[in-house]
Amino acid sequence: MKAVQRCQWARTPLDIKHHDEEWGVPCHDDRTLFEMLILEGAQAGLSWSTILAKRENYRRAFAFFDPHKVARFTKKDISRLLADAGIVRSRAKIEAAISNAQAFLAIQREFETFDRYLWAFVDNRPIVNAPRSLKDLPAETALSRALSKDLMKRGFRFIGPKICYAYMQSVGLVNDHIAGCFRRAPNEKS
């Protein structure tokens, strides 16, 4: 029996679960889009495995990623989060998550959904790349720079071009599964 081939970065059980079930799969659910946006910002300077290990703690700490609730977080909430060992205790990242929730809601008001805003950057169809290995994956692209610039203009923080590209991969705007990965073909038809 042949072993399942995955992208090389999926090594730990949490990485494998994320790779097999979420990464590169087109997402159109606003709450999940918000969750991944906050998690990608929290990941800055850290490994994705670290954030995946803290994901359930983030869900609990950030009101299960309800942007309406997070947007109303107060100084008391910031103090609570800074004391929570289950998340990354960075004041800048916590404050960014709150202001990003406010900016996220503003986009929903303007476009009806964040999904509609986000997917317009790729003409509502995932970009399918053809990486042969991890070395072929870019850290950022012209499109991630454009998305980052627009999000920052709208008040988002911790959303530079590299974070945007990782976000685009996570929510399926980009299919970067390597050649031979068992998840590549199913996502090409999404």
N, C-alpha and C. Protein backbone atom coordinates (compact mmCIF):
# COMPACT_ATOMS: atom_id res chain seq x y z
N MET A 1 0.84 -1.19 0.00
CA MET A 1 0.00 0.00 0.00
C MET A 1 0.89 1.25 0.00
N LYS A 2 0.59 2.17 -0.89
CA LYS A 2 1.39 3.38 -1.05
C LYS A 2 1.04 4.39 0.05
N ALA A 3 2.06 5.03 0.63
CA ALA A 3 1.85 6.05 1.65
C ALA A 3 1.26 7.31 1.02
N VAL A 4 0.44 8.00 1.79
CA VAL A 4 -0.16 9.25 1.33
C VAL A 4 0.94 10.31 1.24
N GLN A 5 1.00 11.00 0.12
CA GLN A 5 1.98 12.08 -0.04
C GLN A 5 1.32 13.41 0.28
N ARG A 6 2.00 14.16 1.14
CA ARG A 6 1.52 15.48 1.55
C ARG A 6 2.60 16.52 1.25
N CYS A 7 2.22 17.78 1.36
CA CYS A 7 3.21 18.86 1.32
C CYS A 7 4.17 18.64 2.49
N GLN A 8 5.46 18.92 2.26
CA GLN A 8 6.49 18.59 3.24
C GLN A 8 6.33 19.30 4.59
N TRP A 9 5.65 20.43 4.64
CA TRP A 9 5.54 21.16 5.89
C TRP A 9 4.60 20.48 6.88
N ALA A 10 3.74 19.60 6.42
CA ALA A 10 2.76 18.94 7.30
C ALA A 10 3.41 17.74 7.98
N ARG A 11 3.93 17.97 9.19
CA ARG A 11 4.66 16.92 9.90
C ARG A 11 4.00 16.50 11.21
N THR A 12 3.53 17.45 11.98
CA THR A 12 2.92 17.12 13.28
C THR A 12 1.46 16.75 13.07
N PRO A 13 0.84 16.08 14.05
CA PRO A 13 -0.59 15.75 13.90
C PRO A 13 -1.48 16.98 13.63
N LEU A 14 -1.22 18.10 14.30
CA LEU A 14 -2.03 19.30 14.06
C LEU A 14 -1.77 19.87 12.67
N ASP A 15 -0.50 19.86 12.24
CA ASP A 15 -0.18 20.32 10.89
C ASP A 15 -0.88 19.45 9.85
N ILE A 16 -0.83 18.14 10.06
CA ILE A 16 -1.44 17.20 9.11
C ILE A 16 -2.95 17.42 9.04
N LYS A 17 -3.59 17.56 10.18
CA LYS A 17 -5.04 17.81 10.21
C LYS A 17 -5.38 19.11 9.46
N HIS A 18 -4.63 20.18 9.74
CA HIS A 18 -4.86 21.46 9.06
C HIS A 18 -4.63 21.31 7.55
N HIS A 19 -3.54 20.67 7.19
CA HIS A 19 -3.22 20.45 5.77
C HIS A 19 -4.31 19.65 5.07
N ASP A 20 -4.72 18.56 5.69
CA ASP A 20 -5.66 17.63 5.05
C ASP A 20 -7.09 18.17 4.98
N GLU A 21 -7.46 19.03 5.93
CA GLU A 21 -8.85 19.47 6.01
C GLU A 21 -9.11 20.92 5.64
N GLU A 22 -8.10 21.79 5.77
CA GLU A 22 -8.36 23.22 5.58
C GLU A 22 -7.46 23.92 4.57
N TRP A 23 -6.16 23.71 4.66
CA TRP A 23 -5.19 24.51 3.92
C TRP A 23 -5.42 24.37 2.42
N GLY A 24 -5.64 25.49 1.78
CA GLY A 24 -5.85 25.49 0.33
C GLY A 24 -7.27 25.19 -0.10
N VAL A 25 -8.16 24.93 0.86
CA VAL A 25 -9.56 24.66 0.53
C VAL A 25 -10.31 25.99 0.54
N PRO A 26 -10.97 26.34 -0.56
CA PRO A 26 -11.69 27.61 -0.61
C PRO A 26 -12.69 27.76 0.53
N CYS A 27 -12.54 28.83 1.28
CA CYS A 27 -13.41 29.13 2.42
C CYS A 27 -14.24 30.36 2.08
N HIS A 28 -15.54 30.27 2.35
CA HIS A 28 -16.44 31.40 2.09
C HIS A 28 -17.24 31.79 3.33
N ASP A 29 -16.89 31.24 4.46
CA ASP A 29 -17.57 31.53 5.72
C ASP A 29 -16.88 32.70 6.42
N ASP A 30 -17.60 33.79 6.63
CA ASP A 30 -16.99 34.98 7.20
C ASP A 30 -16.35 34.74 8.57
N ARG A 31 -16.99 33.95 9.41
CA ARG A 31 -16.41 33.73 10.73
C ARG A 31 -15.07 32.99 10.61
N THR A 32 -15.00 32.00 9.76
CA THR A 32 -13.74 31.27 9.56
C THR A 32 -12.70 32.18 8.91
N LEU A 33 -13.12 33.01 7.98
CA LEU A 33 -12.19 33.97 7.37
C LEU A 33 -11.63 34.91 8.43
N PHE A 34 -12.47 35.33 9.37
CA PHE A 34 -12.00 36.19 10.45
C PHE A 34 -11.05 35.43 11.37
N GLU A 35 -11.40 34.21 11.71
CA GLU A 35 -10.54 33.39 12.57
C GLU A 35 -9.14 33.24 11.96
N MET A 36 -9.09 32.89 10.70
CA MET A 36 -7.79 32.68 10.07
C MET A 36 -7.01 33.98 9.96
N LEU A 37 -7.69 35.09 9.77
CA LEU A 37 -7.04 36.39 9.72
C LEU A 37 -6.36 36.70 11.05
N ILE A 38 -7.07 36.45 12.15
CA ILE A 38 -6.51 36.71 13.49
C ILE A 38 -5.37 35.74 13.77
N LEU A 39 -5.55 34.48 13.43
CA LEU A 39 -4.49 33.49 13.69
C LEU A 39 -3.24 33.77 12.86
N GLU A 40 -3.41 34.16 11.62
CA GLU A 40 -2.23 34.48 10.80
C GLU A 40 -1.48 35.68 11.36
N GLY A 41 -2.21 36.67 11.86
CA GLY A 41 -1.54 37.82 12.49
C GLY A 41 -0.81 37.42 13.76
N ALA A 42 -1.42 36.52 14.53
CA ALA A 42 -0.78 36.03 15.76
C ALA A 42 0.48 35.24 15.44
N GLN A 43 0.52 34.63 14.29
CA GLN A 43 1.63 33.77 13.89
C GLN A 43 2.89 34.57 13.56
N ALA A 44 2.78 35.84 13.25
CA ALA A 44 3.93 36.64 12.83
C ALA A 44 5.12 36.42 13.76
N GLY A 45 6.22 35.95 13.18
CA GLY A 45 7.43 35.71 13.94
C GLY A 45 7.47 34.37 14.65
N LEU A 46 6.42 33.59 14.53
CA LEU A 46 6.34 32.29 15.19
C LEU A 46 6.06 31.21 14.14
N SER A 47 6.07 29.97 14.56
CA SER A 47 5.73 28.89 13.64
C SER A 47 4.22 28.70 13.60
N TRP A 48 3.72 28.24 12.47
CA TRP A 48 2.30 27.96 12.34
C TRP A 48 1.89 26.84 13.29
N SER A 49 2.80 25.89 13.54
CA SER A 49 2.51 24.81 14.48
C SER A 49 2.22 25.35 15.88
N THR A 50 2.94 26.40 16.27
CA THR A 50 2.70 27.02 17.58
C THR A 50 1.28 27.55 17.66
N ILE A 51 0.84 28.21 16.61
CA ILE A 51 -0.51 28.80 16.60
C ILE A 51 -1.57 27.70 16.55
N LEU A 52 -1.35 26.67 15.74
CA LEU A 52 -2.32 25.57 15.69
C LEU A 52 -2.47 24.92 17.06
N ALA A 53 -1.38 24.81 17.80
CA ALA A 53 -1.43 24.22 19.15
C ALA A 53 -2.23 25.09 20.11
N LYS A 54 -2.31 26.37 19.83
CA LYS A 54 -3.04 27.31 20.69
C LYS A 54 -4.42 27.67 20.14
N ARG A 55 -4.81 27.07 19.04
CA ARG A 55 -6.03 27.45 18.34
C ARG A 55 -7.28 27.37 19.22
N GLU A 56 -7.45 26.29 19.93
CA GLU A 56 -8.63 26.17 20.80
C GLU A 56 -8.62 27.24 21.89
N ASN A 57 -7.45 27.55 22.41
CA ASN A 57 -7.35 28.62 23.40
C ASN A 57 -7.73 29.96 22.79
N TYR A 58 -7.30 30.19 21.55
CA TYR A 58 -7.68 31.42 20.85
C TYR A 58 -9.19 31.49 20.65
N ARG A 59 -9.79 30.39 20.29
CA ARG A 59 -11.25 30.39 20.10
C ARG A 59 -11.96 30.81 21.38
N ARG A 60 -11.56 30.23 22.47
CA ARG A 60 -12.17 30.56 23.76
C ARG A 60 -11.88 32.03 24.13
N ALA A 61 -10.62 32.43 24.01
CA ALA A 61 -10.20 33.77 24.44
C ALA A 61 -10.80 34.88 23.58
N PHE A 62 -11.02 34.59 22.30
CA PHE A 62 -11.53 35.60 21.37
C PHE A 62 -12.97 35.33 20.96
N ALA A 63 -13.80 34.94 21.93
CA ALA A 63 -15.25 34.82 21.74
C ALA A 63 -15.60 33.98 20.52
N PHE A 64 -14.88 32.89 20.33
CA PHE A 64 -15.09 31.99 19.20
C PHE A 64 -15.09 32.73 17.87
N PHE A 65 -14.25 33.76 17.84
CA PHE A 65 -14.01 34.56 16.64
C PHE A 65 -15.27 35.21 16.10
N ASP A 66 -16.12 35.65 17.00
CA ASP A 66 -17.27 36.46 16.61
C ASP A 66 -16.75 37.90 16.48
N PRO A 67 -16.65 38.42 15.26
CA PRO A 67 -16.05 39.75 15.10
C PRO A 67 -16.83 40.85 15.82
N HIS A 68 -18.14 40.69 15.97
CA HIS A 68 -18.93 41.70 16.68
C HIS A 68 -18.50 41.78 18.15
N LYS A 69 -18.27 40.63 18.77
CA LYS A 69 -17.85 40.61 20.17
C LYS A 69 -16.41 41.09 20.32
N VAL A 70 -15.52 40.63 19.45
CA VAL A 70 -14.11 41.03 19.53
C VAL A 70 -13.97 42.53 19.31
N ALA A 71 -14.74 43.09 18.42
CA ALA A 71 -14.67 44.53 18.14
C ALA A 71 -15.03 45.37 19.36
N ARG A 72 -15.77 44.78 20.30
CA ARG A 72 -16.17 45.51 21.51
C ARG A 72 -15.28 45.21 22.72
N PHE A 73 -14.20 44.47 22.52
CA PHE A 73 -13.29 44.19 23.62
C PHE A 73 -12.76 45.51 24.19
N THR A 74 -12.60 45.53 25.50
CA THR A 74 -12.18 46.72 26.24
C THR A 74 -10.77 46.53 26.80
N LYS A 75 -10.32 47.54 27.53
CA LYS A 75 -9.02 47.44 28.22
C LYS A 75 -9.02 46.27 29.20
N LYS A 76 -10.16 46.00 29.81
CA LYS A 76 -10.28 44.86 30.72
C LYS A 76 -10.05 43.55 29.97
N ASP A 77 -10.59 43.45 28.77
CA ASP A 77 -10.38 42.26 27.94
C ASP A 77 -8.90 42.14 27.55
N ILE A 78 -8.28 43.25 27.22
CA ILE A 78 -6.86 43.22 26.86
C ILE A 78 -6.04 42.71 28.04
N SER A 79 -6.35 43.18 29.23
CA SER A 79 -5.65 42.69 30.44
C SER A 79 -5.87 41.20 30.63
N ARG A 80 -7.09 40.76 30.42
CA ARG A 80 -7.42 39.33 30.54
C ARG A 80 -6.61 38.51 29.54
N LEU A 81 -6.53 39.00 28.31
CA LEU A 81 -5.81 38.28 27.26
C LEU A 81 -4.30 38.28 27.52
N LEU A 82 -3.77 39.38 28.04
CA LEU A 82 -2.35 39.44 28.35
C LEU A 82 -1.96 38.47 29.46
N ALA A 83 -2.93 38.07 30.27
CA ALA A 83 -2.68 37.12 31.36
C ALA A 83 -2.96 35.67 30.94
N ASP A 84 -3.43 35.47 29.72
CA ASP A 84 -3.83 34.14 29.25
C ASP A 84 -2.64 33.42 28.62
N ALA A 85 -2.09 32.46 29.33
CA ALA A 85 -0.92 31.70 28.84
C ALA A 85 -1.27 30.81 27.65
N GLY A 86 -2.53 30.65 27.35
CA GLY A 86 -2.95 29.79 26.24
C GLY A 86 -2.85 30.43 24.88
N ILE A 87 -2.55 31.75 24.84
CA ILE A 87 -2.42 32.46 23.56
C ILE A 87 -1.06 33.16 23.55
N VAL A 88 -0.74 33.77 22.43
CA VAL A 88 0.47 34.59 22.34
C VAL A 88 0.16 35.90 23.04
N ARG A 89 0.88 36.17 24.10
CA ARG A 89 0.59 37.35 24.92
C ARG A 89 1.39 38.56 24.45
N SER A 90 1.02 39.04 23.30
CA SER A 90 1.63 40.23 22.72
C SER A 90 0.57 41.32 22.70
N ARG A 91 0.83 42.40 23.42
CA ARG A 91 -0.13 43.51 23.45
C ARG A 91 -0.42 44.00 22.03
N ALA A 92 0.62 44.13 21.21
CA ALA A 92 0.42 44.64 19.85
C ALA A 92 -0.48 43.71 19.04
N LYS A 93 -0.27 42.41 19.17
CA LYS A 93 -1.10 41.46 18.41
C LYS A 93 -2.52 41.41 18.94
N ILE A 94 -2.69 41.52 20.23
CA ILE A 94 -4.04 41.52 20.83
C ILE A 94 -4.80 42.77 20.40
N GLU A 95 -4.15 43.92 20.52
CA GLU A 95 -4.80 45.17 20.12
C GLU A 95 -5.10 45.17 18.62
N ALA A 96 -4.21 44.57 17.83
CA ALA A 96 -4.45 44.47 16.39
C ALA A 96 -5.67 43.59 16.10
N ALA A 97 -5.83 42.51 16.85
CA ALA A 97 -6.99 41.64 16.64
C ALA A 97 -8.29 42.40 16.88
N ILE A 98 -8.30 43.26 17.89
CA ILE A 98 -9.50 44.04 18.20
C ILE A 98 -9.76 45.08 17.10
N SER A 99 -8.74 45.81 16.72
CA SER A 99 -8.95 46.81 15.65
C SER A 99 -9.23 46.12 14.32
N ASN A 100 -8.66 44.94 14.09
CA ASN A 100 -8.97 44.20 12.87
C ASN A 100 -10.42 43.74 12.84
N ALA A 101 -10.96 43.40 14.00
CA ALA A 101 -12.38 43.04 14.07
C ALA A 101 -13.25 44.24 13.66
N GLN A 102 -12.87 45.41 14.11
CA GLN A 102 -13.62 46.62 13.75
C GLN A 102 -13.53 46.90 12.25
N ALA A 103 -12.33 46.73 11.70
CA ALA A 103 -12.14 46.94 10.26
C ALA A 103 -12.86 45.85 9.45
N PHE A 104 -12.87 44.64 9.97
CA PHE A 104 -13.57 43.52 9.33
C PHE A 104 -15.06 43.84 9.22
N LEU A 105 -15.64 44.35 10.30
CA LEU A 105 -17.07 44.71 10.30
C LEU A 105 -17.35 45.84 9.32
N ALA A 106 -16.42 46.78 9.20
CA ALA A 106 -16.59 47.88 8.23
C ALA A 106 -16.62 47.33 6.81
N ILE A 107 -15.78 46.35 6.52
CA ILE A 107 -15.79 45.73 5.19
C ILE A 107 -17.11 44.98 4.97
N GLN A 108 -17.59 44.29 6.00
CA GLN A 108 -18.88 43.60 5.86
C GLN A 108 -19.99 44.60 5.56
N ARG A 109 -19.96 45.75 6.21
CA ARG A 109 -21.00 46.77 5.95
C ARG A 109 -20.91 47.28 4.51
N GLU A 110 -19.68 47.44 4.02
CA GLU A 110 -19.50 47.97 2.67
C GLU A 110 -19.80 46.94 1.58
N PHE A 111 -19.41 45.70 1.79
CA PHE A 111 -19.51 44.68 0.74
C PHE A 111 -20.56 43.60 1.04
N GLU A 112 -21.28 43.73 2.12
CA GLU A 112 -22.26 42.76 2.61
C GLU A 112 -21.59 41.59 3.33
N THR A 113 -20.49 41.09 2.78
CA THR A 113 -19.72 40.02 3.44
C THR A 113 -18.24 40.28 3.22
N PHE A 114 -17.43 39.81 4.15
CA PHE A 114 -15.98 39.87 3.97
C PHE A 114 -15.59 38.95 2.82
N ASP A 115 -16.29 37.83 2.70
CA ASP A 115 -16.06 36.88 1.63
C ASP A 115 -16.12 37.56 0.26
N ARG A 116 -17.13 38.36 0.03
CA ARG A 116 -17.29 39.04 -1.26
C ARG A 116 -16.10 39.97 -1.52
N TYR A 117 -15.69 40.70 -0.49
CA TYR A 117 -14.53 41.60 -0.61
C TYR A 117 -13.27 40.80 -0.95
N LEU A 118 -12.99 39.78 -0.16
CA LEU A 118 -11.74 39.03 -0.27
C LEU A 118 -11.62 38.29 -1.59
N TRP A 119 -12.66 37.56 -1.97
CA TRP A 119 -12.59 36.73 -3.16
C TRP A 119 -12.55 37.55 -4.45
N ALA A 120 -12.93 38.82 -4.39
CA ALA A 120 -12.83 39.68 -5.58
C ALA A 120 -11.37 39.86 -5.99
N PHE A 121 -10.43 39.72 -5.05
CA PHE A 121 -9.01 39.85 -5.37
C PHE A 121 -8.52 38.75 -6.32
N VAL A 122 -9.24 37.63 -6.37
CA VAL A 122 -8.85 36.52 -7.26
C VAL A 122 -9.98 36.21 -8.25
N ASP A 123 -10.81 37.21 -8.54
CA ASP A 123 -11.93 37.05 -9.47
C ASP A 123 -12.81 35.85 -9.11
N ASN A 124 -12.94 35.60 -7.81
CA ASN A 124 -13.82 34.56 -7.27
C ASN A 124 -13.41 33.14 -7.66
N ARG A 125 -12.15 32.96 -8.05
CA ARG A 125 -11.65 31.62 -8.40
C ARG A 125 -10.26 31.45 -7.80
N PRO A 126 -10.01 30.32 -7.16
CA PRO A 126 -8.68 30.10 -6.58
C PRO A 126 -7.58 30.14 -7.63
N ILE A 127 -6.47 30.69 -7.25
CA ILE A 127 -5.28 30.65 -8.09
C ILE A 127 -4.61 29.31 -7.84
N VAL A 128 -4.37 28.56 -8.89
CA VAL A 128 -3.74 27.25 -8.76
C VAL A 128 -2.31 27.35 -9.28
N ASN A 129 -1.38 27.24 -8.35
CA ASN A 129 0.04 27.27 -8.71
C ASN A 129 0.53 25.84 -8.90
N ALA A 130 1.74 25.71 -9.35
CA ALA A 130 2.30 24.38 -9.61
C ALA A 130 3.65 24.20 -8.92
N PRO A 131 3.71 24.38 -7.60
CA PRO A 131 5.01 24.20 -6.93
C PRO A 131 5.42 22.73 -6.93
N ARG A 132 6.69 22.49 -7.17
CA ARG A 132 7.20 21.12 -7.15
C ARG A 132 7.71 20.75 -5.75
N SER A 133 8.10 21.79 -4.98
CA SER A 133 8.58 21.56 -3.61
C SER A 133 8.37 22.83 -2.81
N LEU A 134 8.68 22.77 -1.52
CA LEU A 134 8.53 23.95 -0.66
C LEU A 134 9.39 25.11 -1.15
N LYS A 135 10.53 24.80 -1.76
CA LYS A 135 11.43 25.85 -2.26
C LYS A 135 10.76 26.70 -3.33
N ASP A 136 9.75 26.15 -3.99
CA ASP A 136 9.06 26.87 -5.07
C ASP A 136 7.97 27.81 -4.57
N LEU A 137 7.67 27.77 -3.28
CA LEU A 137 6.60 28.61 -2.74
C LEU A 137 7.13 30.00 -2.42
N PRO A 138 6.48 31.03 -2.93
CA PRO A 138 6.92 32.38 -2.60
C PRO A 138 6.49 32.77 -1.19
N ALA A 139 7.19 33.70 -0.60
CA ALA A 139 6.78 34.23 0.71
C ALA A 139 5.68 35.28 0.53
N GLU A 140 5.71 35.95 -0.61
CA GLU A 140 4.71 36.96 -0.93
C GLU A 140 4.63 37.08 -2.44
N THR A 141 3.56 37.70 -2.90
CA THR A 141 3.36 37.91 -4.34
C THR A 141 2.83 39.32 -4.56
N ALA A 142 2.74 39.72 -5.81
CA ALA A 142 2.16 41.03 -6.12
C ALA A 142 0.73 41.11 -5.59
N LEU A 143 0.00 40.00 -5.69
CA LEU A 143 -1.38 39.98 -5.20
C LEU A 143 -1.43 40.11 -3.68
N SER A 144 -0.55 39.43 -2.96
CA SER A 144 -0.56 39.56 -1.49
C SER A 144 -0.14 40.97 -1.08
N ARG A 145 0.73 41.59 -1.86
CA ARG A 145 1.09 42.99 -1.56
C ARG A 145 -0.10 43.91 -1.79
N ALA A 146 -0.87 43.66 -2.85
CA ALA A 146 -2.05 44.49 -3.12
C ALA A 146 -3.11 44.29 -2.04
N LEU A 147 -3.34 43.06 -1.63
CA LEU A 147 -4.31 42.79 -0.57
C LEU A 147 -3.86 43.44 0.73
N SER A 148 -2.59 43.27 1.07
CA SER A 148 -2.05 43.87 2.29
C SER A 148 -2.22 45.39 2.28
N LYS A 149 -1.88 46.00 1.17
CA LYS A 149 -1.99 47.46 1.05
C LYS A 149 -3.44 47.92 1.25
N ASP A 150 -4.37 47.20 0.64
CA ASP A 150 -5.77 47.59 0.76
C ASP A 150 -6.29 47.37 2.18
N LEU A 151 -5.91 46.25 2.79
CA LEU A 151 -6.34 45.99 4.17
C LEU A 151 -5.77 47.04 5.13
N MET A 152 -4.50 47.39 4.95
CA MET A 152 -3.89 48.40 5.82
C MET A 152 -4.57 49.76 5.64
N LYS A 153 -4.91 50.08 4.41
CA LYS A 153 -5.63 51.33 4.12
C LYS A 153 -6.97 51.35 4.87
N ARG A 154 -7.55 50.18 5.08
CA ARG A 154 -8.83 50.06 5.75
C ARG A 154 -8.69 49.90 7.27
N GLY A 155 -7.46 49.99 7.77
CA GLY A 155 -7.24 49.99 9.22
C GLY A 155 -6.74 48.69 9.82
N PHE A 156 -6.47 47.68 9.01
CA PHE A 156 -5.95 46.42 9.53
C PHE A 156 -4.48 46.56 9.92
N ARG A 157 -4.08 45.75 10.91
CA ARG A 157 -2.68 45.70 11.35
C ARG A 157 -2.23 44.24 11.41
N PHE A 158 -0.92 44.05 11.47
CA PHE A 158 -0.33 42.70 11.43
C PHE A 158 -0.84 41.96 10.20
N ILE A 159 -0.76 42.62 9.07
CA ILE A 159 -1.31 42.07 7.84
C ILE A 159 -0.42 42.44 6.64
N GLY A 160 0.90 42.28 6.84
CA GLY A 160 1.84 42.56 5.77
C GLY A 160 1.71 41.55 4.64
N PRO A 161 2.46 41.76 3.55
CA PRO A 161 2.35 40.89 2.37
C PRO A 161 2.63 39.41 2.64
N LYS A 162 3.57 39.11 3.53
CA LYS A 162 3.86 37.70 3.83
C LYS A 162 2.72 37.07 4.62
N ILE A 163 2.18 37.80 5.58
CA ILE A 163 1.03 37.30 6.35
C ILE A 163 -0.16 37.14 5.40
N CYS A 164 -0.34 38.09 4.50
CA CYS A 164 -1.45 38.00 3.54
C CYS A 164 -1.30 36.77 2.65
N TYR A 165 -0.08 36.48 2.23
CA TYR A 165 0.08 35.31 1.36
C TYR A 165 -0.22 34.02 2.12
N ALA A 166 0.26 33.93 3.35
CA ALA A 166 -0.05 32.75 4.17
C ALA A 166 -1.56 32.65 4.39
N TYR A 167 -2.21 33.78 4.59
CA TYR A 167 -3.67 33.82 4.75
C TYR A 167 -4.35 33.33 3.48
N MET A 168 -3.90 33.82 2.34
CA MET A 168 -4.48 33.41 1.06
C MET A 168 -4.35 31.90 0.86
N GLN A 169 -3.23 31.33 1.28
CA GLN A 169 -3.05 29.88 1.19
C GLN A 169 -4.01 29.17 2.15
N SER A 170 -4.09 29.67 3.37
CA SER A 170 -4.91 29.01 4.39
C SER A 170 -6.38 28.95 4.02
N VAL A 171 -6.90 30.02 3.42
CA VAL A 171 -8.33 30.07 3.13
C VAL A 171 -8.67 29.72 1.69
N GLY A 172 -7.66 29.25 0.95
CA GLY A 172 -7.92 28.69 -0.37
C GLY A 172 -7.98 29.66 -1.53
N LEU A 173 -7.62 30.93 -1.33
CA LEU A 173 -7.53 31.83 -2.48
C LEU A 173 -6.43 31.35 -3.41
N VAL A 174 -5.45 30.68 -2.81
CA VAL A 174 -4.31 30.13 -3.55
C VAL A 174 -4.21 28.65 -3.21
N ASN A 175 -4.06 27.82 -4.22
CA ASN A 175 -3.80 26.40 -4.02
C ASN A 175 -2.31 26.19 -4.28
N ASP A 176 -1.55 26.02 -3.20
CA ASP A 176 -0.11 25.81 -3.30
C ASP A 176 0.30 24.41 -2.87
N HIS A 177 -0.65 23.46 -2.92
CA HIS A 177 -0.26 22.08 -2.62
C HIS A 177 0.76 21.65 -3.68
N ILE A 178 1.83 21.01 -3.22
CA ILE A 178 2.89 20.63 -4.15
C ILE A 178 2.44 19.50 -5.07
N ALA A 179 3.13 19.37 -6.18
CA ALA A 179 2.86 18.29 -7.13
C ALA A 179 2.99 16.96 -6.40
N GLY A 180 2.02 16.10 -6.58
CA GLY A 180 2.03 14.79 -5.92
C GLY A 180 1.28 14.75 -4.61
N CYS A 181 0.99 15.92 -4.02
CA CYS A 181 0.23 15.95 -2.76
C CYS A 181 -1.20 15.48 -3.03
N PHE A 182 -1.69 14.61 -2.15
CA PHE A 182 -3.03 14.05 -2.38
C PHE A 182 -4.12 15.12 -2.29
N ARG A 183 -3.86 16.29 -1.69
CA ARG A 183 -4.86 17.35 -1.58
C ARG A 183 -4.85 18.30 -2.77
N ARG A 184 -3.89 18.20 -3.63
CA ARG A 184 -3.80 19.13 -4.76
C ARG A 184 -4.98 18.98 -5.71
N ALA A 185 -5.23 17.80 -6.21
CA ALA A 185 -6.28 17.58 -7.20
C ALA A 185 -7.68 17.97 -6.70
N PRO A 186 -8.08 17.58 -5.48
CA PRO A 186 -9.43 17.98 -5.05
C PRO A 186 -9.63 19.48 -5.00
N ASN A 187 -8.58 20.22 -4.66
CA ASN A 187 -8.70 21.67 -4.56
C ASN A 187 -8.68 22.36 -5.91
N GLU A 188 -8.12 21.72 -6.93
CA GLU A 188 -8.11 22.34 -8.26
C GLU A 188 -9.52 22.53 -8.79
N LYS A 189 -10.45 21.71 -8.36
CA LYS A 189 -11.83 21.78 -8.87
C LYS A 189 -12.72 22.68 -8.01
N SER A 190 -12.17 23.26 -6.95
CA SER A 190 -12.99 24.06 -6.01
C SER A 190 -13.43 25.35 -6.65
